[in-house]
């Protein structure tokens, strides 16, 4: 994986975990990373990522049945 350094203003009062979840969730929903890669960005297991992604407003299910079938095969 690549390392990315981001400088945020002091007014952004989010924790590192929350910011990683937001980034990973967006990348997953846009189809840029797999479920496992998204979980890796955050540093948690796939199961944990699945269990908490709804709290951040992300859906486990892609836009198509093909996406869902792929996730099931790769789980």
Protein backbone atom coordinates (compact mmCIF):
# COMPACT_ATOMS: atom_id res chain seq x y z
CA UNK A 1 0.00 0.00 0.00
CA UNK A 2 1.01 3.57 -0.53
CA UNK A 3 1.26 6.03 2.34
CA UNK A 4 -0.67 9.28 2.14
CA UNK A 5 -0.06 12.24 4.43
CA UNK A 6 -2.86 14.78 4.79
CA UNK A 7 -2.66 18.08 6.63
CA UNK A 8 -6.01 19.11 8.10
CA UNK A 9 -7.03 22.38 9.69
CA UNK A 10 -7.34 22.36 13.48
CA UNK A 11 -11.08 22.95 13.07
CA UNK A 12 -11.51 19.39 11.77
CA UNK A 13 -12.14 17.52 14.98
CA UNK A 14 -12.37 14.00 13.55
CA UNK A 15 -10.32 11.11 14.85
CA UNK A 16 -7.96 9.23 12.55
CA UNK A 17 -10.20 6.13 12.63
CA UNK A 18 -13.24 8.12 11.50
CA UNK A 19 -11.33 9.74 8.63
CA UNK A 20 -9.99 6.37 7.50
CA UNK A 21 -13.51 4.91 7.56
CA UNK A 22 -14.85 7.79 5.48
CA UNK A 23 -12.09 7.41 2.91
CA UNK A 24 -12.29 3.61 2.78
CA UNK A 25 -16.10 3.65 2.57
CA UNK A 26 -16.07 6.12 -0.31
CA UNK A 27 -13.45 4.16 -2.19
CA UNK A 28 -15.39 0.93 -1.66
CA UNK A 29 -18.73 2.39 -2.76
CA UNK A 30 -17.11 3.84 -5.88
CA UNK A 31 -15.64 0.45 -6.74
CA UNK A 32 -12.05 1.64 -6.44
CA UNK A 33 -11.10 -0.91 -3.74
CA UNK A 34 -12.39 -4.29 -2.62
CA UNK A 35 -13.99 -4.90 0.74
CA UNK A 36 -10.75 -6.40 2.03
CA UNK A 37 -8.70 -3.47 0.78
CA UNK A 38 -11.12 -1.01 2.39
CA UNK A 39 -10.81 -2.83 5.70
CA UNK A 40 -7.02 -2.78 5.30
CA UNK A 41 -7.03 1.00 4.86
CA UNK A 42 -8.73 1.31 8.23
CA UNK A 43 -6.63 -1.42 9.82
CA UNK A 44 -9.52 -3.67 10.82
CA UNK A 45 -10.87 -7.05 9.71
CA UNK A 46 -13.36 -7.36 6.85
CA UNK A 47 -15.98 -8.55 9.31
CA UNK A 48 -15.52 -5.51 11.53
CA UNK A 49 -15.59 -3.19 8.52
CA UNK A 50 -18.87 -4.76 7.36
CA UNK A 51 -20.37 -4.45 10.85
CA UNK A 52 -19.62 -0.73 11.24
CA UNK A 53 -19.76 0.71 7.73
CA UNK A 54 -23.49 1.43 8.07
CA UNK A 55 -22.73 3.77 10.99
CA UNK A 56 -20.81 5.91 8.53
CA UNK A 57 -23.59 5.88 5.93
CA UNK A 58 -22.07 3.31 3.57
CA UNK A 59 -23.82 0.33 2.04
CA UNK A 60 -22.28 -3.10 1.80
CA UNK A 61 -24.21 -3.82 -1.37
CA UNK A 62 -23.00 -2.50 -4.71
CA UNK A 63 -25.20 -1.21 -7.47
CA UNK A 64 -25.49 -4.51 -9.29
CA UNK A 65 -26.02 -8.22 -8.67
CA UNK A 66 -22.63 -8.86 -10.27
CA UNK A 67 -20.94 -6.77 -7.57
CA UNK A 68 -22.78 -8.66 -4.84
CA UNK A 69 -21.92 -12.05 -6.32
CA UNK A 70 -18.25 -11.03 -6.57
CA UNK A 71 -18.16 -9.95 -2.92
CA UNK A 72 -19.77 -13.22 -1.83
CA UNK A 73 -17.24 -15.30 -3.82
CA UNK A 74 -14.32 -13.32 -2.38
CA UNK A 75 -15.53 -13.26 1.24
